[in-house]
Amino acid sequence: MTLTKAKLAEKIQKSVWDVKPSEAPRLLERVVEIIKDTLAGGEDVLISGFGKFEVRRKHPRQGRNPQTGDSLTLRQRQVVVFRISSTLRRKLNPKPEELSPPARAWRRR
């Protein structure tokens, strides 16, 4: 299952006491716009405990049209990559000693 913007806005509204249901989607949309504008400006976005969105420049390179086999030059472009924080990585992939006893049962040595 995927967490959509609509579901995320609903979770924001439920978890933040003073946000009205109609304000939560606008608040989320504004945060996303700020992130997009920052990345479009060439700056990275760091969200502590979550990760870092980095803008990287891809240099021009030789490519090939898969239908015709013709060679072509792919232009220079920018891409966004995400680097997960160590905090989130540990939460997603806990060490066996960090797991609760019932969850550890499936990991046999």
C-alpha atoms as a PDB file:
ATOM      1  CA  MET A   1       0.000   0.000   0.000  1.00  0.00           C
ATOM      2  CA  THR A   2       1.207   3.511  -0.802  1.00  0.00           C
ATOM      3  CA  LEU A   3       0.848   6.603   1.333  1.00  0.00           C
ATOM      4  CA  THR A   4      -0.672   9.216  -0.988  1.00  0.00           C
ATOM      5  CA  LYS A   5      -0.730  12.989  -0.469  1.00  0.00           C
ATOM      6  CA  ALA A   6      -4.419  12.774   0.431  1.00  0.00           C
ATOM      7  CA  LYS A   7      -3.775  10.119   3.083  1.00  0.00           C
ATOM      8  CA  LEU A   8      -0.773  12.043   4.373  1.00  0.00           C
ATOM      9  CA  ALA A   9      -2.863  15.222   4.671  1.00  0.00           C
ATOM     10  CA  GLU A  10      -5.479  13.236   6.588  1.00  0.00           C
ATOM     11  CA  LYS A  11      -2.821  11.909   8.979  1.00  0.00           C
ATOM     12  CA  ILE A  12      -1.490  15.451   9.486  1.00  0.00           C
ATOM     13  CA  GLN A  13      -4.984  16.699  10.281  1.00  0.00           C
ATOM     14  CA  LYS A  14      -5.581  13.884  12.787  1.00  0.00           C
ATOM     15  CA  SER A  15      -2.210  14.217  14.527  1.00  0.00           C
ATOM     16  CA  VAL A  16      -2.012  18.020  14.755  1.00  0.00           C
ATOM     17  CA  TRP A  17      -4.728  19.384  17.007  1.00  0.00           C
ATOM     18  CA  ASP A  18      -5.118  22.895  15.652  1.00  0.00           C
ATOM     19  CA  VAL A  19      -5.198  22.042  11.921  1.00  0.00           C
ATOM     20  CA  LYS A  20      -8.618  22.082  10.331  1.00  0.00           C
ATOM     21  CA  PRO A  21      -9.474  19.344   7.809  1.00  0.00           C
ATOM     22  CA  SER A  22      -9.552  21.903   4.990  1.00  0.00           C
ATOM     23  CA  GLU A  23      -6.142  23.341   5.960  1.00  0.00           C
ATOM     24  CA  ALA A  24      -4.168  20.078   6.082  1.00  0.00           C
ATOM     25  CA  PRO A  25      -4.041  19.475   2.287  1.00  0.00           C
ATOM     26  CA  ARG A  26      -3.042  23.119   1.653  1.00  0.00           C
ATOM     27  CA  LEU A  27      -0.343  22.913   4.340  1.00  0.00           C
ATOM     28  CA  LEU A  28       1.076  19.719   2.833  1.00  0.00           C
ATOM     29  CA  GLU A  29       0.932  21.166  -0.682  1.00  0.00           C
ATOM     30  CA  ARG A  30       2.832  24.265   0.484  1.00  0.00           C
ATOM     31  CA  VAL A  31       5.560  22.141   2.095  1.00  0.00           C
ATOM     32  CA  VAL A  32       5.907  20.132  -1.124  1.00  0.00           C
ATOM     33  CA  GLU A  33       6.084  23.360  -3.174  1.00  0.00           C
ATOM     34  CA  ILE A  34       8.844  24.722  -0.915  1.00  0.00           C
ATOM     35  CA  ILE A  35      10.817  21.486  -1.370  1.00  0.00           C
ATOM     36  CA  LYS A  36      10.329  21.554  -5.165  1.00  0.00           C
ATOM     37  CA  ASP A  37      11.329  25.229  -5.414  1.00  0.00           C
ATOM     38  CA  THR A  38      14.432  24.614  -3.309  1.00  0.00           C
ATOM     39  CA  LEU A  39      15.493  21.647  -5.459  1.00  0.00           C
ATOM     40  CA  ALA A  40      14.758  23.566  -8.672  1.00  0.00           C
ATOM     41  CA  GLY A  41      17.076  26.277  -7.364  1.00  0.00           C
ATOM     42  CA  GLY A  42      19.882  23.706  -7.150  1.00  0.00           C
ATOM     43  CA  GLU A  43      19.887  23.413  -3.359  1.00  0.00           C
ATOM     44  CA  ASP A  44      19.677  20.161  -1.399  1.00  0.00           C
ATOM     45  CA  VAL A  45      16.892  19.512   1.118  1.00  0.00           C
ATOM     46  CA  LEU A  46      17.838  17.855   4.416  1.00  0.00           C
ATOM     47  CA  ILE A  47      15.095  16.543   6.698  1.00  0.00           C
ATOM     48  CA  SER A  48      16.829  15.360   9.866  1.00  0.00           C
ATOM     49  CA  GLY A  49      15.908  11.833  10.856  1.00  0.00           C
ATOM     50  CA  PHE A  50      14.450  11.158   7.398  1.00  0.00           C
ATOM     51  CA  GLY A  51      17.000  11.835   4.678  1.00  0.00           C
ATOM     52  CA  LYS A  52      18.458  14.224   2.145  1.00  0.00           C
ATOM     53  CA  PHE A  53      17.217  15.075  -1.338  1.00  0.00           C
ATOM     54  CA  GLU A  54      20.262  15.963  -3.441  1.00  0.00           C
ATOM     55  CA  VAL A  55      20.384  17.647  -6.842  1.00  0.00           C
ATOM     56  CA  ARG A  56      22.982  15.999  -9.082  1.00  0.00           C
ATOM     57  CA  ARG A  57      24.130  16.996 -12.531  1.00  0.00           C
ATOM     58  CA  LYS A  58      24.304  14.274 -15.181  1.00  0.00           C
ATOM     59  CA  HIS A  59      26.856  15.026 -17.886  1.00  0.00           C
ATOM     60  CA  PRO A  60      26.062  14.572 -21.577  1.00  0.00           C
ATOM     61  CA  ARG A  61      26.571  10.987 -22.700  1.00  0.00           C
ATOM     62  CA  GLN A  62      26.198   8.691 -25.668  1.00  0.00           C
ATOM     63  CA  GLY A  63      22.943   6.769 -25.853  1.00  0.00           C
ATOM     64  CA  ARG A  64      21.137   4.504 -28.287  1.00  0.00           C
ATOM     65  CA  ASN A  65      17.590   4.467 -29.601  1.00  0.00           C
ATOM     66  CA  PRO A  66      16.390   0.952 -28.684  1.00  0.00           C
ATOM     67  CA  GLN A  67      13.944   0.787 -31.633  1.00  0.00           C
ATOM     68  CA  THR A  68      16.297   1.862 -34.412  1.00  0.00           C
ATOM     69  CA  GLY A  69      19.708   1.242 -32.856  1.00  0.00           C
ATOM     70  CA  ASP A  70      20.796   4.757 -33.867  1.00  0.00           C
ATOM     71  CA  SER A  71      23.374   6.498 -31.678  1.00  0.00           C
ATOM     72  CA  LEU A  72      22.490   9.820 -30.116  1.00  0.00           C
ATOM     73  CA  THR A  73      23.878  12.200 -27.561  1.00  0.00           C
ATOM     74  CA  LEU A  74      21.815  12.610 -24.400  1.00  0.00           C
ATOM     75  CA  ARG A  75      21.952  16.165 -23.139  1.00  0.00           C
ATOM     76  CA  GLN A  76      23.155  17.315 -19.752  1.00  0.00           C
ATOM     77  CA  ARG A  77      20.423  17.218 -17.095  1.00  0.00           C
ATOM     78  CA  GLN A  78      19.807  17.432 -13.388  1.00  0.00           C
ATOM     79  CA  VAL A  79      18.299  14.656 -11.300  1.00  0.00           C
ATOM     80  CA  VAL A  80      17.186  14.396  -7.688  1.00  0.00           C
ATOM     81  CA  VAL A  81      18.458  11.506  -5.592  1.00  0.00           C
ATOM     82  CA  PHE A  82      17.407  10.573  -2.072  1.00  0.00           C
ATOM     83  CA  ARG A  83      19.844   9.470   0.599  1.00  0.00           C
ATOM     84  CA  ILE A  84      18.203   7.889   3.620  1.00  0.00           C
ATOM     85  CA  SER A  85      19.305   9.041   7.088  1.00  0.00           C
ATOM     86  CA  SER A  86      21.036   6.563   9.379  1.00  0.00           C
ATOM     87  CA  THR A  87      18.184   7.017  11.888  1.00  0.00           C
ATOM     88  CA  LEU A  88      15.556   5.892   9.375  1.00  0.00           C
ATOM     89  CA  ARG A  89      17.838   3.125   8.067  1.00  0.00           C
ATOM     90  CA  ARG A  90      18.153   1.687  11.585  1.00  0.00           C
ATOM     91  CA  LYS A  91      14.371   1.881  12.027  1.00  0.00           C
ATOM     92  CA  LEU A  92      13.774   0.006   8.759  1.00  0.00           C
ATOM     93  CA  ASN A  93      16.555  -2.544   9.310  1.00  0.00           C
ATOM     94  CA  PRO A  94      17.022  -3.093  13.049  1.00  0.00           C
ATOM     95  CA  LYS A  95      19.830  -5.315  14.267  1.00  0.00           C
ATOM     96  CA  PRO A  96      18.660  -8.636  15.733  1.00  0.00           C
ATOM     97  CA  GLU A  97      19.441  -7.488  19.294  1.00  0.00           C
ATOM     98  CA  GLU A  98      17.204  -4.435  18.769  1.00  0.00           C
ATOM     99  CA  LEU A  99      14.204  -6.579  17.782  1.00  0.00           C
ATOM    100  CA  SER A 100      11.630  -7.554  20.367  1.00  0.00           C
ATOM    101  CA  PRO A 101      11.855 -11.227  21.506  1.00  0.00           C
ATOM    102  CA  PRO A 102       8.849 -12.486  19.444  1.00  0.00           C
ATOM    103  CA  ALA A 103      10.088 -10.755  16.278  1.00  0.00           C
ATOM    104  CA  ARG A 104      13.574 -12.203  16.778  1.00  0.00           C
ATOM    105  CA  ALA A 105      12.274 -15.797  16.754  1.00  0.00           C
ATOM    106  CA  TRP A 106      12.302 -16.076  12.954  1.00  0.00           C
ATOM    107  CA  ARG A 107      16.014 -15.180  12.829  1.00  0.00           C
ATOM    108  CA  ARG A 108      17.854 -18.337  13.749  1.00  0.00           C
ATOM    109  CA  ARG A 109      21.603 -18.510  13.911  1.00  0.00           C
END
